[in-house]
Amino acid sequence: MNLEEVLSAIQSDASLTSDQKNEITKAENRKKLESLFSGVAGAGLGLALAKYYKMSKTAQVMLAALGFGAGTLLYKYMTRERFATYDASIGTNRIDSRRF
């Protein structure tokens, strides 16, 4: 299930008021939802690995928690603002002056 499907499910939910739907689907909340989905994917991967290696229940919980943290950190790293980006047309990095 991707983010757009989740947002459309929120909009079609009859138990939420119009104000609640608008609050959930605001642009700043989308980043939170994307970060949460990345964490859940990491937790699922960690739990799958722990079950594959037949670890104890405590180890499964710890590896799932570690996977959640790793997933959110990876999301934040991949979506962070960059100071300079490589521009192939000039063959070097271009500095983003809007950050100053």
Protein backbone atom coordinates (compact mmCIF):
# COMPACT_ATOMS: atom_id res chain seq x y z
CA MET A 1 0.00 0.00 0.00
CA ASN A 2 1.55 3.31 -1.02
CA LEU A 3 1.01 6.76 0.47
CA GLU A 4 -1.57 7.84 -2.11
CA GLU A 5 -3.73 4.79 -1.35
CA VAL A 6 -3.55 5.54 2.37
CA LEU A 7 -4.51 9.17 1.81
CA SER A 8 -7.47 8.18 -0.39
CA ALA A 9 -8.59 5.69 2.28
CA ILE A 10 -8.43 8.49 4.85
CA GLN A 11 -10.55 10.74 2.62
CA SER A 12 -13.19 8.01 2.16
CA ASP A 13 -13.38 7.14 5.89
CA ALA A 14 -16.86 8.06 7.13
CA SER A 15 -15.87 7.98 10.81
CA LEU A 16 -13.59 11.03 10.45
CA THR A 17 -14.84 14.59 10.32
CA SER A 18 -13.81 16.93 7.51
CA ASP A 19 -11.43 18.82 9.82
CA GLN A 20 -9.77 15.59 10.95
CA LYS A 21 -9.27 14.47 7.34
CA ASN A 22 -7.70 17.81 6.43
CA GLU A 23 -5.39 17.71 9.45
CA ILE A 24 -4.15 14.20 8.62
CA THR A 25 -3.56 14.91 4.94
CA LYS A 26 -1.68 18.22 5.34
CA ALA A 27 1.61 18.43 3.48
CA GLU A 28 3.74 18.50 6.65
CA ASN A 29 2.02 15.35 7.88
CA ARG A 30 2.87 13.53 4.63
CA LYS A 31 6.56 13.58 5.55
CA LYS A 32 5.68 12.09 8.93
CA LEU A 33 3.62 9.37 7.26
CA GLU A 34 6.41 8.59 4.77
CA SER A 35 8.91 8.41 7.63
CA LEU A 36 6.54 6.12 9.55
CA PHE A 37 6.13 3.84 6.52
CA SER A 38 9.92 3.61 6.15
CA GLY A 39 10.22 2.69 9.81
CA VAL A 40 7.52 0.04 9.52
CA ALA A 41 9.26 -1.44 6.47
CA GLY A 42 12.54 -1.58 8.43
CA ALA A 43 10.79 -3.18 11.40
CA GLY A 44 9.21 -5.80 9.14
CA LEU A 45 12.57 -6.61 7.61
CA GLY A 46 14.19 -6.86 11.04
CA LEU A 47 11.44 -9.15 12.32
CA ALA A 48 11.64 -11.34 9.21
CA LEU A 49 15.39 -11.73 9.67
CA ALA A 50 14.97 -12.58 13.36
CA LYS A 51 12.35 -15.21 12.58
CA TYR A 52 14.46 -16.66 9.76
CA TYR A 53 17.38 -17.15 12.14
CA LYS A 54 15.00 -18.52 14.81
CA MET A 55 15.96 -15.99 17.46
CA SER A 56 14.22 -15.69 20.82
CA LYS A 57 11.13 -13.51 21.18
CA THR A 58 13.17 -10.85 22.98
CA ALA A 59 15.71 -10.78 20.17
CA GLN A 60 12.89 -10.55 17.60
CA VAL A 61 11.46 -7.50 19.34
CA MET A 62 14.89 -5.88 19.64
CA LEU A 63 15.72 -6.52 15.97
CA ALA A 64 12.33 -5.16 14.90
CA ALA A 65 12.93 -2.01 16.96
CA LEU A 66 16.40 -1.67 15.47
CA GLY A 67 14.91 -2.10 11.99
CA PHE A 68 12.33 0.62 12.68
CA GLY A 69 15.06 3.02 13.74
CA ALA A 70 17.23 2.14 10.77
CA GLY A 71 14.32 2.62 8.37
CA THR A 72 13.50 6.09 9.68
CA LEU A 73 17.18 7.12 9.71
CA LEU A 74 17.61 5.92 6.14
CA TYR A 75 14.52 7.86 5.08
CA LYS A 76 15.78 11.03 6.75
CA TYR A 77 19.22 10.60 5.16
CA MET A 78 17.80 10.06 1.68
CA THR A 79 15.41 13.03 1.85
CA ARG A 80 17.64 15.60 3.55
CA GLU A 81 18.49 18.92 1.93
CA ARG A 82 21.84 18.92 0.23
CA PHE A 83 24.28 21.82 0.24
CA ALA A 84 25.74 20.94 -3.15
CA THR A 85 24.56 18.69 -5.98
CA TYR A 86 26.49 17.36 -8.94
CA ASP A 87 25.62 19.01 -12.24
CA ALA A 88 26.68 16.86 -15.22
CA SER A 89 26.29 19.74 -17.70
CA ILE A 90 29.14 21.69 -16.10
CA GLY A 91 31.02 18.67 -14.75
CA THR A 92 31.20 19.83 -11.13
CA ASN A 93 29.08 20.48 -8.04
CA ARG A 94 26.59 23.32 -7.93
CA ILE A 95 26.14 25.05 -4.56
CA ASP A 96 22.57 25.70 -3.45
CA SER A 97 22.64 29.39 -2.53
CA ARG A 98 19.04 29.38 -1.26
CA ARG A 99 20.20 27.78 1.99
CA PHE A 100 22.00 30.94 3.14
